[in-house]
Amino acid sequence: MSGPLSGIRVLEFAGLGPGPYAAMLLADMGADVIRIERADKVYPLPGNPHPEFLLRGRRNIAVDLKNPEGKETVMRLVEKSDAIIEGFRPGVMERLGLGPDDCAARNPKLVFGRMTGWGQDGPYAMAAGHDINYIALAGALAHFRRKDTIPTPPMNLVGDFGGGGMFLVFGIACALLEAQRSGKGQVVDAAMVDGVASLMTMFWGFKDMNMFDPDNPGTTMLDTGAAYYDVYETKDGKYISVGAIESQFYQEMLQRLGLQDDPDFAQQNDRSKWPVMHKKLWDLFRTKTQAEWNALLEMTDICYAPVLPMLEAAAHPHNVERGTYVEFEGHLQPAPAPRYSRTPGEIQRPAAHPGQNSKEVLDDLGFSSSEIESLLASGAIKQAQ
């Protein structure tokens, strides 16, 4: 293992979306992440790595958590781990006998990371939900829209991954640092609704400074109200982005677009002029192709970039030079981030299938051959073949 988290072991109870993303981030940074999958999810190995890139970087052990020997196997793994990731509804781990108190009794330094949408308590805590619901209740979804349009979900990036997985990783990292000083673990209650609310902090400040109007979406600087901060269509049906917020960048935009003498653009933040400014920029940007605008505006101080779909983004010279996307065992995917000067992260291994590493994991953690064979025979664990 390489990376700043080398030497840290994390147990990940199999789930979807933000939990696996958090586990991937930790694995990319060198943590030894072991994914615990249900024994009944094991299927014959197909001969290729699991296709889900979120599962990269860690080994997979399949356990029957309802089998007493299976539960005890997990507890022995808990004793040798630094942190846990679980994403069940509140109370599920407790009913399995694997809750925070149960695990702390076996490992007082254990950091117990809990990933949910609504949190461990509150009126919604036991309700089902998805990213769209969490960002709705957190006060974010209402503002992803242009004026006089309905809210548009930004895929599931804001709730699942921004307000969820990333906040869980941050919480676990903080708790691991504290545990090194105190010798005591603790529970990290990472709720997507909390994380998304935190992501909105700047806009709460802008509201009090009269820079953001929560009652009128699509009318202020960062929500497509301002003509100088928006997306425009080009002649060939592609799109470009402009973000000339600062006055010096705005002035350079006017110079490069030949608008420096247009009276409609004289006052950057005259909101009464924003609609006509939008219209003129829309018409102007449709006179050239995206490639032609790139030639004129890329790498200038007007804050410009072409709007690229995934594959084009991976092929862009800037991302190629930085290695933002990598090919790992024949599959193109985002590289580990962020970057470190001394202990760089890397993709440790391809995604594993359920139960693919069961025997390997137990052998590495000190289980004897006879113990492993006994667990396999009882069905407490399962090895994919």
Protein backbone atom coordinates (compact mmCIF):
# COMPACT_ATOMS: atom_id res chain seq x y z
CA MET A 1 0.00 0.00 0.00
CA SER A 2 1.15 3.56 -0.70
CA GLY A 3 -0.35 6.89 0.29
CA PRO A 4 -0.80 9.03 3.40
CA LEU A 5 -3.21 6.51 4.99
CA SER A 6 -0.91 3.52 4.59
CA GLY A 7 -1.17 1.44 7.77
CA ILE A 8 -4.80 2.35 8.45
CA ARG A 9 -7.35 -0.46 8.19
CA VAL A 10 -11.03 0.22 7.49
CA LEU A 11 -13.95 -2.19 7.44
CA GLU A 12 -16.66 -1.24 4.95
CA PHE A 13 -20.06 -2.86 5.26
CA ALA A 14 -21.35 -3.17 1.71
CA GLY A 15 -23.75 -0.47 0.60
CA LEU A 16 -24.45 1.82 -2.35
CA GLY A 17 -23.27 5.26 -3.44
CA PRO A 18 -21.75 7.47 -0.76
CA GLY A 19 -20.45 4.71 1.51
CA PRO A 20 -18.51 2.97 -1.27
CA TYR A 21 -17.29 6.36 -2.49
CA ALA A 22 -15.92 7.16 0.96
CA ALA A 23 -14.25 3.76 1.07
CA MET A 24 -12.75 4.33 -2.39
CA LEU A 25 -11.29 7.67 -1.31
CA LEU A 26 -9.69 6.08 1.74
CA ALA A 27 -8.35 3.17 -0.32
CA ASP A 28 -6.94 5.56 -2.95
CA MET A 29 -4.99 7.23 -0.15
CA GLY A 30 -3.46 3.93 0.96
CA ALA A 31 -5.82 2.62 3.61
CA ASP A 32 -6.34 -1.15 3.72
CA VAL A 33 -10.09 -1.20 3.16
CA ILE A 34 -11.89 -4.53 3.51
CA ARG A 35 -15.41 -4.62 2.12
CA ILE A 36 -17.73 -6.96 4.00
CA GLU A 37 -20.34 -8.36 1.64
CA ARG A 38 -23.33 -10.58 2.39
CA ALA A 39 -22.63 -14.26 1.84
CA ASP A 40 -25.76 -14.65 -0.29
CA LYS A 41 -24.39 -12.09 -2.76
CA VAL A 42 -21.54 -14.37 -3.84
CA TYR A 43 -21.69 -15.61 -7.43
CA PRO A 44 -19.22 -17.52 -9.66
CA LEU A 45 -16.26 -15.35 -10.58
CA PRO A 46 -16.62 -14.11 -14.18
CA GLY A 47 -12.88 -13.83 -14.83
CA ASN A 48 -12.85 -10.02 -14.99
CA PRO A 49 -12.73 -7.37 -12.26
CA HIS A 50 -16.02 -6.03 -10.97
CA PRO A 51 -17.12 -3.24 -13.35
CA GLU A 52 -18.00 -0.72 -10.61
CA PHE A 53 -15.08 1.69 -10.23
CA LEU A 54 -16.39 2.87 -6.83
CA LEU A 55 -15.35 -0.54 -5.50
CA ARG A 56 -11.73 -0.21 -6.59
CA GLY A 57 -8.80 -0.47 -4.24
CA ARG A 58 -10.03 -2.92 -1.63
CA ARG A 59 -10.50 -6.60 -0.91
CA ASN A 60 -13.87 -8.25 -0.43
CA ILE A 61 -14.90 -10.85 2.15
CA ALA A 62 -18.37 -12.43 2.18
CA VAL A 63 -19.85 -13.08 5.62
CA ASP A 64 -23.18 -14.38 6.92
CA LEU A 65 -23.80 -11.78 9.63
CA LYS A 66 -26.72 -13.78 11.05
CA ASN A 67 -24.46 -16.74 11.68
CA PRO A 68 -22.88 -16.45 15.16
CA GLU A 69 -19.54 -17.58 13.76
CA GLY A 70 -19.86 -15.01 10.98
CA LYS A 71 -20.55 -12.23 13.45
CA GLU A 72 -17.62 -13.33 15.61
CA THR A 73 -15.40 -13.31 12.52
CA VAL A 74 -16.35 -9.70 11.90
CA MET A 75 -15.66 -8.87 15.54
CA ARG A 76 -12.17 -10.28 15.20
CA LEU A 77 -11.69 -8.03 12.19
CA VAL A 78 -12.98 -5.11 14.26
CA GLU A 79 -10.26 -5.78 16.83
CA LYS A 80 -7.62 -5.29 14.11
CA SER A 81 -9.17 -2.24 12.43
CA ASP A 82 -9.06 1.51 12.90
CA ALA A 83 -12.43 2.49 11.45
CA ILE A 84 -15.76 1.20 10.18
CA ILE A 85 -18.00 2.48 7.39
CA GLU A 86 -21.66 1.47 7.45
CA GLY A 87 -24.65 2.94 5.64
CA PHE A 88 -27.68 1.13 7.04
CA ARG A 89 -30.76 2.76 8.54
CA PRO A 90 -30.40 3.62 12.24
CA GLY A 91 -30.60 0.56 14.46
CA VAL A 92 -29.69 -2.09 11.89
CA MET A 93 -26.11 -2.56 13.11
CA GLU A 94 -27.32 -2.66 16.70
CA ARG A 95 -29.80 -5.42 15.87
CA LEU A 96 -26.99 -7.40 14.28
CA GLY A 97 -24.96 -7.06 17.46
CA LEU A 98 -22.40 -4.95 15.58
CA GLY A 99 -23.34 -1.48 16.80
CA PRO A 100 -20.92 1.12 18.12
CA ASP A 101 -21.11 -0.09 21.73
CA ASP A 102 -20.59 -3.72 20.70
CA CYS A 103 -17.57 -2.82 18.59
CA ALA A 104 -16.10 -0.40 21.14
CA ALA A 105 -16.14 -3.20 23.71
CA ARG A 106 -13.74 -5.10 21.45
CA ASN A 107 -11.74 -2.10 20.20
CA PRO A 108 -11.99 1.13 22.26
CA LYS A 109 -10.02 3.13 19.64
CA LEU A 110 -12.37 2.22 16.79
CA VAL A 111 -13.85 5.10 14.76
CA PHE A 112 -17.41 4.12 13.79
CA GLY A 113 -18.44 5.98 10.63
CA ARG A 114 -22.18 6.03 9.92
CA MET A 115 -23.44 7.18 6.52
CA THR A 116 -27.13 8.03 6.18
CA GLY A 117 -29.27 10.52 4.33
CA TRP A 118 -31.22 11.92 7.29
CA GLY A 119 -28.91 11.17 10.22
CA GLN A 120 -29.16 8.90 13.24
CA ASP A 121 -32.06 10.86 14.77
CA GLY A 122 -34.78 13.33 13.85
CA PRO A 123 -38.31 12.87 12.45
CA TYR A 124 -37.04 11.64 9.06
CA ALA A 125 -34.38 9.30 10.46
CA MET A 126 -36.18 6.05 9.66
CA ALA A 127 -37.64 7.16 6.32
CA ALA A 128 -36.31 5.94 2.98
CA GLY A 129 -34.72 8.52 0.73
CA HIS A 130 -32.26 9.27 -2.05
CA ASP A 131 -29.95 12.11 -3.01
CA ILE A 132 -32.78 14.13 -4.57
CA ASN A 133 -34.70 14.09 -1.28
CA TYR A 134 -31.73 14.97 0.92
CA ILE A 135 -30.67 17.98 -1.15
CA ALA A 136 -34.32 19.05 -1.29
CA LEU A 137 -34.74 19.12 2.49
CA ALA A 138 -31.30 20.67 3.02
CA GLY A 139 -32.27 23.77 1.04
CA ALA A 140 -30.05 23.21 -1.99
CA LEU A 141 -32.22 21.70 -4.73
CA ALA A 142 -34.60 24.69 -4.81
CA HIS A 143 -31.74 26.85 -6.11
CA PHE A 144 -30.53 24.65 -8.98
CA ARG A 145 -32.63 26.38 -11.62
CA ARG A 146 -32.90 29.32 -13.92
CA LYS A 147 -35.49 31.99 -13.39
CA ASP A 148 -39.06 30.79 -13.95
CA THR A 149 -38.05 27.13 -14.33
CA ILE A 150 -38.39 24.13 -12.04
CA PRO A 151 -35.47 22.82 -9.94
CA THR A 152 -33.11 20.48 -11.81
CA PRO A 153 -31.33 17.75 -9.80
CA PRO A 154 -27.53 18.00 -10.38
CA MET A 155 -27.28 14.22 -10.85
CA ASN A 156 -26.44 12.78 -7.42
CA LEU A 157 -23.18 14.64 -6.93
CA VAL A 158 -24.27 17.11 -4.24
CA GLY A 159 -25.97 14.78 -1.75
CA ASP A 160 -24.46 11.33 -2.17
CA PHE A 161 -20.90 12.33 -2.92
CA GLY A 162 -20.38 15.98 -1.88
CA GLY A 163 -22.53 16.17 1.25
CA GLY A 164 -22.28 12.44 1.95
CA GLY A 165 -19.15 10.48 1.08
CA MET A 166 -16.72 13.39 1.34
CA PHE A 167 -18.07 14.49 4.71
CA LEU A 168 -17.84 10.92 5.99
CA VAL A 169 -14.19 10.72 4.94
CA PHE A 170 -13.48 14.08 6.57
CA GLY A 171 -15.22 12.95 9.75
CA ILE A 172 -13.33 9.66 9.86
CA ALA A 173 -9.98 11.36 9.25
CA CYS A 174 -10.64 13.87 12.05
CA ALA A 175 -11.74 11.14 14.44
CA LEU A 176 -8.69 9.01 13.63
CA LEU A 177 -6.40 11.94 14.47
CA GLU A 178 -8.22 12.52 17.74
CA ALA A 179 -8.09 8.81 18.62
CA GLN A 180 -4.31 8.88 18.29
CA ARG A 181 -4.19 11.49 21.06
CA SER A 182 -6.95 10.22 23.34
CA GLY A 183 -6.79 6.49 22.75
CA LYS A 184 -10.57 6.51 22.34
CA GLY A 185 -12.74 6.06 19.27
CA GLN A 186 -16.12 7.65 18.63
CA VAL A 187 -19.13 7.60 16.33
CA VAL A 188 -19.15 9.80 13.20
CA ASP A 189 -22.78 10.58 12.29
CA ALA A 190 -22.41 11.69 8.66
CA ALA A 191 -25.84 12.69 7.35
CA MET A 192 -26.17 13.91 3.78
CA VAL A 193 -28.73 16.51 4.81
CA ASP A 194 -26.16 17.98 7.23
CA GLY A 195 -23.34 17.88 4.71
CA VAL A 196 -25.40 19.55 1.99
CA ALA A 197 -26.49 22.25 4.44
CA SER A 198 -22.81 22.88 5.19
CA LEU A 199 -22.04 23.16 1.48
CA MET A 200 -24.60 25.98 1.33
CA THR A 201 -22.82 28.06 4.01
CA MET A 202 -21.53 30.71 1.61
CA PHE A 203 -25.01 31.33 0.26
CA TRP A 204 -26.40 31.82 3.79
CA GLY A 205 -23.79 34.53 4.17
CA PHE A 206 -24.60 35.99 0.77
CA LYS A 207 -28.27 36.10 1.78
CA ASP A 208 -27.46 38.29 4.77
CA MET A 209 -25.27 40.51 2.57
CA ASN A 210 -28.11 40.90 0.03
CA MET A 211 -26.01 39.12 -2.59
CA PHE A 212 -28.31 36.10 -2.92
CA ASP A 213 -32.10 36.06 -3.01
CA PRO A 214 -33.40 32.66 -1.85
CA ASP A 215 -36.95 33.62 -2.80
CA ASN A 216 -36.08 34.37 -6.43
CA PRO A 217 -33.89 31.61 -7.89
CA GLY A 218 -32.01 32.37 -11.08
CA THR A 219 -31.73 36.10 -10.43
CA THR A 220 -28.40 36.53 -8.64
CA MET A 221 -24.73 36.25 -9.51
CA LEU A 222 -23.99 32.53 -9.16
CA ASP A 223 -27.34 31.01 -10.13
CA THR A 224 -27.42 32.16 -13.80
CA GLY A 225 -28.89 35.56 -13.05
CA ALA A 226 -25.71 37.36 -14.09
CA ALA A 227 -24.84 37.34 -17.79
CA TYR A 228 -21.12 37.23 -17.04
CA TYR A 229 -21.47 33.95 -15.08
CA ASP A 230 -23.33 31.49 -17.25
CA VAL A 231 -23.29 28.81 -19.93
CA TYR A 232 -23.84 29.67 -23.60
CA GLU A 233 -24.54 27.64 -26.72
CA THR A 234 -22.15 27.84 -29.65
CA LYS A 235 -22.71 27.68 -33.40
CA ASP A 236 -22.19 23.92 -33.51
CA GLY A 237 -24.66 23.17 -30.71
CA LYS A 238 -21.98 22.77 -28.04
CA TYR A 239 -21.55 24.90 -24.93
CA ILE A 240 -19.03 27.15 -23.23
CA SER A 241 -18.79 28.58 -19.72
CA VAL A 242 -17.92 32.12 -18.68
CA GLY A 243 -17.32 33.25 -15.10
CA ALA A 244 -15.98 36.81 -15.29
CA ILE A 245 -17.00 37.86 -11.77
CA GLU A 246 -14.11 40.15 -10.78
CA SER A 247 -14.16 43.56 -12.45
CA GLN A 248 -10.77 43.13 -14.14
CA PHE A 249 -11.88 39.80 -15.61
CA TYR A 250 -15.15 41.34 -16.73
CA GLN A 251 -13.30 44.17 -18.49
CA GLU A 252 -11.05 41.68 -20.26
CA MET A 253 -14.12 39.75 -21.39
CA LEU A 254 -15.59 42.90 -22.90
CA GLN A 255 -12.29 43.69 -24.67
CA ARG A 256 -11.90 40.21 -26.13
CA LEU A 257 -15.53 40.10 -27.26
CA GLY A 258 -15.50 43.62 -28.70
CA LEU A 259 -18.13 44.87 -26.24
CA GLN A 260 -16.06 47.48 -24.41
CA ASP A 261 -18.02 50.37 -25.95
CA ASP A 262 -21.49 48.81 -25.66
CA PRO A 263 -23.48 50.92 -23.13
CA ASP A 264 -25.53 47.89 -22.07
CA PHE A 265 -22.35 46.39 -20.58
CA ALA A 266 -21.05 49.57 -18.95
CA GLN A 267 -22.30 48.69 -15.46
CA GLN A 268 -21.42 45.09 -14.68
CA ASN A 269 -23.85 44.69 -11.80
CA ASP A 270 -26.77 46.76 -13.04
CA ARG A 271 -29.35 43.98 -12.72
CA SER A 272 -31.82 45.82 -14.90
CA LYS A 273 -29.35 45.28 -17.76
CA TRP A 274 -28.68 41.60 -17.12
CA PRO A 275 -31.49 40.33 -19.42
CA VAL A 276 -30.28 42.36 -22.41
CA MET A 277 -26.67 41.44 -21.63
CA HIS A 278 -27.69 37.78 -21.62
CA LYS A 279 -29.44 38.16 -24.96
CA LYS A 280 -26.48 39.87 -26.62
CA LEU A 281 -23.98 37.32 -25.29
CA TRP A 282 -26.25 34.48 -26.34
CA ASP A 283 -26.44 35.83 -29.88
CA LEU A 284 -22.71 36.55 -29.99
CA PHE A 285 -21.56 33.14 -28.78
CA ARG A 286 -23.75 31.44 -31.38
CA THR A 287 -21.73 33.05 -34.18
CA LYS A 288 -18.72 30.73 -33.69
CA THR A 289 -18.14 27.08 -32.93
CA GLN A 290 -16.88 25.88 -29.58
CA ALA A 291 -13.46 25.20 -31.12
CA GLU A 292 -13.30 28.75 -32.50
CA TRP A 293 -14.16 30.22 -29.11
CA ASN A 294 -11.55 27.97 -27.51
CA ALA A 295 -8.91 29.37 -29.83
CA LEU A 296 -9.87 32.91 -28.83
CA LEU A 297 -10.63 32.57 -25.14
CA GLU A 298 -9.00 29.52 -23.57
CA MET A 299 -6.32 30.26 -20.97
CA THR A 300 -7.25 33.94 -20.75
CA ASP A 301 -8.33 35.87 -17.67
CA ILE A 302 -11.98 36.10 -18.64
CA CYS A 303 -12.51 32.82 -16.71
CA TYR A 304 -13.50 30.63 -19.62
CA ALA A 305 -13.69 26.90 -20.32
CA PRO A 306 -15.52 24.73 -22.83
CA VAL A 307 -18.33 22.60 -21.42
CA LEU A 308 -17.07 19.07 -21.99
CA PRO A 309 -18.82 15.72 -21.61
CA MET A 310 -16.91 13.00 -19.77
CA LEU A 311 -14.87 11.48 -22.59
CA GLU A 312 -13.91 14.86 -24.02
CA ALA A 313 -12.88 16.01 -20.55
CA ALA A 314 -10.57 13.02 -20.20
CA ALA A 315 -8.95 13.87 -23.56
CA HIS A 316 -8.48 17.60 -22.89
CA PRO A 317 -4.77 18.59 -22.89
CA HIS A 318 -4.93 20.11 -19.40
CA ASN A 319 -6.39 16.98 -17.85
CA VAL A 320 -4.05 14.76 -19.87
CA GLU A 321 -0.95 16.65 -18.71
CA ARG A 322 -2.05 16.50 -15.07
CA GLY A 323 -3.12 12.87 -15.26
CA THR A 324 -6.57 13.75 -13.95
CA TYR A 325 -7.88 10.58 -15.59
CA VAL A 326 -5.93 7.34 -15.68
CA GLU A 327 -6.23 4.03 -17.43
CA PHE A 328 -6.05 1.26 -14.87
CA GLU A 329 -6.00 -2.30 -16.15
CA GLY A 330 -7.62 -1.22 -19.39
CA HIS A 331 -10.33 1.01 -17.92
CA LEU A 332 -10.32 4.82 -18.06
CA GLN A 333 -11.40 6.42 -14.79
CA PRO A 334 -10.73 9.45 -12.53
CA ALA A 335 -7.35 9.34 -10.78
CA PRO A 336 -7.03 9.51 -6.99
CA ALA A 337 -7.33 13.03 -5.59
CA PRO A 338 -6.05 15.16 -3.94
CA ARG A 339 -2.33 14.93 -4.64
CA TYR A 340 0.51 14.69 -2.15
CA SER A 341 4.13 15.75 -2.55
CA ARG A 342 5.64 12.84 -0.56
CA THR A 343 3.02 10.12 -0.20
CA PRO A 344 0.96 10.07 -3.38
CA GLY A 345 -2.19 8.01 -3.47
CA GLU A 346 -2.82 5.46 -6.19
CA ILE A 347 -5.40 2.93 -7.28
CA GLN A 348 -4.36 -0.04 -5.18
CA ARG A 349 -6.20 -2.81 -7.04
CA PRO A 350 -9.22 -3.35 -9.29
CA ALA A 351 -12.69 -3.76 -7.84
CA ALA A 352 -13.30 -7.17 -6.29
CA HIS A 353 -16.37 -9.35 -6.63
CA PRO A 354 -18.32 -10.40 -3.51
CA GLY A 355 -16.32 -12.95 -1.57
CA GLN A 356 -13.36 -12.88 -3.96
CA ASN A 357 -10.79 -12.35 -1.18
CA SER A 358 -12.43 -14.05 1.80
CA LYS A 359 -9.69 -16.57 2.48
CA GLU A 360 -6.91 -14.08 1.70
CA VAL A 361 -8.27 -11.51 4.14
CA LEU A 362 -8.62 -13.97 7.01
CA ASP A 363 -5.20 -15.46 6.35
CA ASP A 364 -3.58 -12.00 6.38
CA LEU A 365 -5.32 -11.11 9.64
CA GLY A 366 -4.04 -14.16 11.47
CA PHE A 367 -6.78 -16.76 11.11
CA SER A 368 -5.38 -20.28 10.95
CA SER A 369 -6.02 -22.57 7.99
CA SER A 370 -8.21 -24.82 10.11
CA GLU A 371 -10.26 -21.84 11.32
CA ILE A 372 -10.78 -20.63 7.76
CA GLU A 373 -11.85 -24.07 6.56
CA SER A 374 -14.24 -24.41 9.50
CA LEU A 375 -15.83 -21.03 8.73
CA LEU A 376 -16.23 -21.98 5.09
CA ALA A 377 -17.77 -25.31 6.02
CA SER A 378 -20.28 -23.72 8.40
CA GLY A 379 -21.30 -21.06 5.85
CA ALA A 380 -20.15 -18.26 8.15
CA ILE A 381 -17.99 -17.00 5.30
CA LYS A 382 -18.07 -17.75 1.59
CA GLN A 383 -15.28 -17.72 -0.97
CA ALA A 384 -16.14 -16.89 -4.56
CA GLN A 385 -14.83 -19.44 -7.03
